[in-house]
Amino acid sequence: MTILGVIVRCRPQTAAAVGQRLRELPGVELAPCADAADDGRWVAVIEDHAAGAAAATLGAIALWPEVLNTSLVYEYSGPDSPPPESEELQGYRDWRRSLVPGSSGT
């Protein structure tokens, strides 16, 4: 299991929409920040989930046009992570190809 602590930065005008979109993602939980809409910063915890890895979720968020930047401030990969030789980790870098705009991910 991987857990990421992330700051997502956007323009204050788009903060509400970005916050709503973040809340809808599987494996993402937002910290209760009352003034996020004022300054455009969201604090999120992203975990691995059935549909994908936490790193893939973070990479996808970073490509949203409303997002100015993302900052990884905490990362945990615990003993419950699959061993490096497991089938689950074969092709673990494949998700990165899908981050290139216009790429089909193959």
N, C-alpha and C. Protein backbone atom coordinates (compact mmCIF):
# COMPACT_ATOMS: atom_id res chain seq x y z
N MET A 1 0.84 -1.17 0.00
CA MET A 1 0.00 0.00 0.00
C MET A 1 0.88 1.23 0.00
N THR A 2 0.48 2.20 -0.78
CA THR A 2 1.17 3.48 -0.82
C THR A 2 0.20 4.57 -0.41
N ILE A 3 0.69 5.48 0.40
CA ILE A 3 -0.09 6.64 0.82
C ILE A 3 0.74 7.87 0.52
N LEU A 4 0.13 8.84 -0.15
CA LEU A 4 0.81 10.08 -0.49
C LEU A 4 0.11 11.26 0.17
N GLY A 5 0.87 12.18 0.73
CA GLY A 5 0.35 13.45 1.21
C GLY A 5 0.75 14.51 0.19
N VAL A 6 -0.23 15.25 -0.31
CA VAL A 6 -0.01 16.12 -1.45
C VAL A 6 -0.67 17.48 -1.23
N ILE A 7 -0.03 18.52 -1.73
CA ILE A 7 -0.67 19.83 -1.81
C ILE A 7 -0.96 20.07 -3.29
N VAL A 8 -2.21 20.38 -3.57
CA VAL A 8 -2.64 20.68 -4.94
C VAL A 8 -2.91 22.18 -5.00
N ARG A 9 -2.25 22.86 -5.91
CA ARG A 9 -2.39 24.32 -6.00
C ARG A 9 -3.10 24.68 -7.30
N CYS A 10 -4.09 25.56 -7.19
CA CYS A 10 -4.82 26.06 -8.35
C CYS A 10 -5.16 27.53 -8.12
N ARG A 11 -5.73 28.15 -9.12
CA ARG A 11 -6.15 29.54 -8.96
C ARG A 11 -7.37 29.59 -8.04
N PRO A 12 -7.49 30.62 -7.23
CA PRO A 12 -8.65 30.71 -6.33
C PRO A 12 -9.99 30.63 -7.07
N GLN A 13 -10.05 31.13 -8.29
CA GLN A 13 -11.30 31.09 -9.05
C GLN A 13 -11.72 29.67 -9.41
N THR A 14 -10.78 28.75 -9.48
CA THR A 14 -11.10 27.37 -9.85
C THR A 14 -11.04 26.41 -8.67
N ALA A 15 -10.75 26.92 -7.48
CA ALA A 15 -10.54 26.06 -6.31
C ALA A 15 -11.77 25.21 -5.98
N ALA A 16 -12.94 25.78 -6.04
CA ALA A 16 -14.15 25.01 -5.71
C ALA A 16 -14.34 23.84 -6.67
N ALA A 17 -14.16 24.09 -7.95
CA ALA A 17 -14.32 23.03 -8.96
C ALA A 17 -13.25 21.95 -8.81
N VAL A 18 -12.01 22.37 -8.55
CA VAL A 18 -10.93 21.40 -8.36
C VAL A 18 -11.20 20.57 -7.11
N GLY A 19 -11.64 21.22 -6.03
CA GLY A 19 -11.96 20.49 -4.80
C GLY A 19 -13.04 19.45 -5.03
N GLN A 20 -14.08 19.81 -5.77
CA GLN A 20 -15.15 18.85 -6.06
C GLN A 20 -14.64 17.68 -6.89
N ARG A 21 -13.82 17.99 -7.87
CA ARG A 21 -13.26 16.93 -8.73
C ARG A 21 -12.35 16.00 -7.92
N LEU A 22 -11.56 16.55 -7.02
CA LEU A 22 -10.70 15.73 -6.16
C LEU A 22 -11.53 14.80 -5.27
N ARG A 23 -12.62 15.33 -4.72
CA ARG A 23 -13.48 14.52 -3.84
C ARG A 23 -14.09 13.33 -4.57
N GLU A 24 -14.25 13.43 -5.87
CA GLU A 24 -14.87 12.37 -6.65
C GLU A 24 -13.90 11.26 -7.05
N LEU A 25 -12.61 11.48 -6.86
CA LEU A 25 -11.62 10.47 -7.24
C LEU A 25 -11.54 9.35 -6.21
N PRO A 26 -11.46 8.10 -6.66
CA PRO A 26 -11.27 7.00 -5.71
C PRO A 26 -9.89 7.09 -5.07
N GLY A 27 -9.82 6.82 -3.79
CA GLY A 27 -8.55 6.83 -3.06
C GLY A 27 -8.08 8.20 -2.62
N VAL A 28 -8.88 9.24 -2.85
CA VAL A 28 -8.48 10.61 -2.49
C VAL A 28 -9.37 11.12 -1.35
N GLU A 29 -8.71 11.67 -0.35
CA GLU A 29 -9.43 12.31 0.76
C GLU A 29 -8.83 13.70 0.96
N LEU A 30 -9.69 14.69 1.06
CA LEU A 30 -9.22 16.06 1.26
C LEU A 30 -9.25 16.42 2.73
N ALA A 31 -8.22 17.14 3.16
CA ALA A 31 -8.21 17.67 4.52
C ALA A 31 -9.21 18.81 4.58
N PRO A 32 -9.88 18.97 5.71
CA PRO A 32 -10.86 20.06 5.82
C PRO A 32 -10.14 21.42 5.90
N CYS A 33 -10.09 22.11 4.79
CA CYS A 33 -9.45 23.42 4.71
C CYS A 33 -10.53 24.45 4.40
N ALA A 34 -10.94 25.19 5.38
CA ALA A 34 -12.03 26.15 5.20
C ALA A 34 -11.69 27.23 4.20
N ASP A 35 -10.41 27.60 4.09
CA ASP A 35 -10.05 28.72 3.22
C ASP A 35 -9.41 28.28 1.91
N ALA A 36 -9.57 27.02 1.52
CA ALA A 36 -8.95 26.55 0.27
C ALA A 36 -9.44 27.35 -0.92
N ALA A 37 -10.71 27.72 -0.91
CA ALA A 37 -11.25 28.50 -2.02
C ALA A 37 -10.64 29.90 -2.06
N ASP A 38 -10.16 30.39 -0.92
CA ASP A 38 -9.56 31.72 -0.87
C ASP A 38 -8.16 31.77 -1.48
N ASP A 39 -7.37 30.73 -1.24
CA ASP A 39 -5.99 30.78 -1.73
C ASP A 39 -5.65 29.71 -2.76
N GLY A 40 -6.57 28.81 -3.06
CA GLY A 40 -6.34 27.83 -4.11
C GLY A 40 -5.47 26.66 -3.75
N ARG A 41 -5.35 26.34 -2.47
CA ARG A 41 -4.54 25.18 -2.05
C ARG A 41 -5.43 24.12 -1.43
N TRP A 42 -5.23 22.89 -1.86
CA TRP A 42 -5.91 21.74 -1.26
C TRP A 42 -4.87 20.80 -0.71
N VAL A 43 -5.14 20.24 0.46
CA VAL A 43 -4.28 19.22 1.06
C VAL A 43 -5.02 17.91 0.89
N ALA A 44 -4.38 16.96 0.21
CA ALA A 44 -5.02 15.68 -0.09
C ALA A 44 -4.17 14.52 0.37
N VAL A 45 -4.85 13.45 0.74
CA VAL A 45 -4.21 12.16 1.01
C VAL A 45 -4.68 11.24 -0.10
N ILE A 46 -3.72 10.63 -0.78
CA ILE A 46 -4.04 9.75 -1.91
C ILE A 46 -3.52 8.35 -1.58
N GLU A 47 -4.38 7.36 -1.70
CA GLU A 47 -4.00 5.97 -1.42
C GLU A 47 -4.19 5.13 -2.67
N ASP A 48 -3.43 4.03 -2.74
CA ASP A 48 -3.68 3.05 -3.80
C ASP A 48 -5.13 2.59 -3.68
N HIS A 49 -5.72 2.25 -4.80
CA HIS A 49 -7.09 1.74 -4.79
C HIS A 49 -7.21 0.68 -5.87
N ALA A 50 -8.35 0.03 -5.93
CA ALA A 50 -8.53 -1.10 -6.86
C ALA A 50 -8.29 -0.71 -8.32
N ALA A 51 -8.61 0.51 -8.69
CA ALA A 51 -8.48 0.93 -10.09
C ALA A 51 -7.09 1.44 -10.45
N GLY A 52 -6.23 1.69 -9.47
CA GLY A 52 -4.90 2.18 -9.82
C GLY A 52 -4.06 2.59 -8.64
N ALA A 53 -2.82 2.93 -8.95
CA ALA A 53 -1.85 3.31 -7.94
C ALA A 53 -2.01 4.77 -7.54
N ALA A 54 -1.61 5.07 -6.32
CA ALA A 54 -1.66 6.45 -5.83
C ALA A 54 -0.81 7.37 -6.71
N ALA A 55 0.34 6.89 -7.14
CA ALA A 55 1.22 7.71 -8.00
C ALA A 55 0.54 8.04 -9.32
N ALA A 56 -0.22 7.10 -9.87
CA ALA A 56 -0.94 7.36 -11.12
C ALA A 56 -2.02 8.41 -10.90
N THR A 57 -2.69 8.35 -9.77
CA THR A 57 -3.71 9.36 -9.45
C THR A 57 -3.07 10.73 -9.33
N LEU A 58 -1.95 10.82 -8.63
CA LEU A 58 -1.24 12.09 -8.50
C LEU A 58 -0.80 12.62 -9.86
N GLY A 59 -0.27 11.73 -10.70
CA GLY A 59 0.15 12.15 -12.03
C GLY A 59 -1.00 12.69 -12.87
N ALA A 60 -2.15 12.06 -12.76
CA ALA A 60 -3.32 12.52 -13.50
C ALA A 60 -3.78 13.89 -13.01
N ILE A 61 -3.80 14.08 -11.69
CA ILE A 61 -4.20 15.37 -11.12
C ILE A 61 -3.27 16.48 -11.60
N ALA A 62 -1.98 16.19 -11.65
CA ALA A 62 -0.99 17.19 -12.07
C ALA A 62 -1.23 17.66 -13.50
N LEU A 63 -1.90 16.87 -14.31
CA LEU A 63 -2.16 17.25 -15.70
C LEU A 63 -3.47 17.99 -15.91
N TRP A 64 -4.29 18.11 -14.88
CA TRP A 64 -5.53 18.87 -15.03
C TRP A 64 -5.17 20.31 -15.41
N PRO A 65 -5.87 20.89 -16.37
CA PRO A 65 -5.52 22.26 -16.79
C PRO A 65 -5.70 23.30 -15.69
N GLU A 66 -6.59 23.07 -14.73
CA GLU A 66 -6.82 24.03 -13.65
C GLU A 66 -5.74 23.98 -12.57
N VAL A 67 -4.97 22.90 -12.55
CA VAL A 67 -3.97 22.71 -11.50
C VAL A 67 -2.66 23.37 -11.91
N LEU A 68 -2.18 24.28 -11.05
CA LEU A 68 -0.92 24.97 -11.32
C LEU A 68 0.27 24.08 -10.98
N ASN A 69 0.21 23.39 -9.85
CA ASN A 69 1.26 22.45 -9.47
C ASN A 69 0.78 21.53 -8.35
N THR A 70 1.54 20.48 -8.15
CA THR A 70 1.30 19.56 -7.04
C THR A 70 2.63 19.39 -6.31
N SER A 71 2.55 19.24 -5.00
CA SER A 71 3.75 19.04 -4.20
C SER A 71 3.57 17.79 -3.35
N LEU A 72 4.44 16.83 -3.52
CA LEU A 72 4.44 15.63 -2.70
C LEU A 72 5.15 15.96 -1.40
N VAL A 73 4.44 15.89 -0.29
CA VAL A 73 5.05 16.25 0.99
C VAL A 73 5.21 15.05 1.91
N TYR A 74 4.58 13.92 1.55
CA TYR A 74 4.70 12.72 2.37
C TYR A 74 4.47 11.51 1.48
N GLU A 75 5.26 10.45 1.71
CA GLU A 75 5.07 9.21 0.98
C GLU A 75 5.32 8.05 1.92
N TYR A 76 4.42 7.08 1.90
CA TYR A 76 4.57 5.86 2.69
C TYR A 76 4.34 4.67 1.79
N SER A 77 5.25 3.74 1.81
CA SER A 77 5.08 2.44 1.16
C SER A 77 5.37 1.41 2.23
N GLY A 78 4.33 0.78 2.69
CA GLY A 78 4.45 -0.11 3.83
C GLY A 78 4.78 -1.54 3.47
N PRO A 79 4.95 -2.34 4.52
CA PRO A 79 5.28 -3.75 4.33
C PRO A 79 4.16 -4.52 3.64
N ASP A 80 2.99 -3.94 3.57
CA ASP A 80 1.89 -4.60 2.88
C ASP A 80 1.93 -4.34 1.38
N SER A 81 2.98 -3.63 0.91
CA SER A 81 3.17 -3.44 -0.53
C SER A 81 3.61 -4.77 -1.13
N PRO A 82 3.25 -5.02 -2.39
CA PRO A 82 3.66 -6.29 -3.01
C PRO A 82 5.17 -6.34 -3.18
N PRO A 83 5.76 -7.54 -3.09
CA PRO A 83 7.21 -7.66 -3.29
C PRO A 83 7.58 -7.29 -4.72
N PRO A 84 8.81 -6.80 -4.94
CA PRO A 84 9.23 -6.32 -6.26
C PRO A 84 9.06 -7.34 -7.38
N GLU A 85 9.17 -8.62 -7.08
CA GLU A 85 9.09 -9.63 -8.13
C GLU A 85 7.66 -10.09 -8.41
N SER A 86 6.68 -9.53 -7.73
CA SER A 86 5.29 -9.97 -7.91
C SER A 86 4.74 -9.54 -9.26
N GLU A 87 3.78 -10.31 -9.77
CA GLU A 87 3.12 -9.98 -11.03
C GLU A 87 2.42 -8.64 -10.95
N GLU A 88 1.98 -8.28 -9.77
CA GLU A 88 1.26 -7.02 -9.58
C GLU A 88 2.12 -5.82 -9.95
N LEU A 89 3.44 -5.95 -9.83
CA LEU A 89 4.33 -4.83 -10.12
C LEU A 89 4.94 -4.90 -11.51
N GLN A 90 4.67 -5.95 -12.26
CA GLN A 90 5.19 -6.02 -13.62
C GLN A 90 4.60 -4.87 -14.43
N GLY A 91 5.42 -4.12 -15.09
CA GLY A 91 4.95 -2.98 -15.87
C GLY A 91 4.52 -1.81 -15.00
N TYR A 92 5.08 -1.70 -13.79
CA TYR A 92 4.64 -0.68 -12.86
C TYR A 92 4.88 0.74 -13.36
N ARG A 93 5.73 0.90 -14.35
CA ARG A 93 5.98 2.23 -14.90
C ARG A 93 5.06 2.56 -16.09
N ASP A 94 4.26 1.62 -16.52
CA ASP A 94 3.43 1.82 -17.70
C ASP A 94 2.50 3.02 -17.58
N TRP A 95 2.01 3.31 -16.39
CA TRP A 95 1.08 4.42 -16.21
C TRP A 95 1.72 5.75 -16.62
N ARG A 96 3.05 5.85 -16.53
CA ARG A 96 3.72 7.11 -16.85
C ARG A 96 3.54 7.50 -18.31
N ARG A 97 3.44 6.52 -19.18
CA ARG A 97 3.27 6.83 -20.60
C ARG A 97 1.94 7.54 -20.85
N SER A 98 0.95 7.24 -20.03
CA SER A 98 -0.35 7.87 -20.24
C SER A 98 -0.36 9.32 -19.79
N LEU A 99 0.70 9.79 -19.14
CA LEU A 99 0.79 11.17 -18.71
C LEU A 99 1.25 12.11 -19.80
N VAL A 100 1.75 11.55 -20.87
CA VAL A 100 2.21 12.37 -21.98
C VAL A 100 1.00 12.74 -22.83
N PRO A 101 0.69 14.04 -22.93
CA PRO A 101 -0.48 14.45 -23.73
C PRO A 101 -0.40 13.88 -25.14
N GLY A 102 -1.51 13.32 -25.59
CA GLY A 102 -1.57 12.74 -26.93
C GLY A 102 -1.11 11.30 -27.00
N SER A 103 -0.64 10.76 -25.86
CA SER A 103 -0.18 9.38 -25.83
C SER A 103 -1.34 8.44 -25.55
N SER A 104 -1.29 7.29 -26.18
CA SER A 104 -2.35 6.30 -25.95
C SER A 104 -2.04 5.43 -24.75
N GLY A 105 -0.85 5.59 -24.14
CA GLY A 105 -0.49 4.80 -22.98
C GLY A 105 0.18 3.50 -23.32
N THR A 106 0.48 3.28 -24.61
CA THR A 106 1.16 2.05 -25.00
C THR A 106 2.51 2.35 -25.58
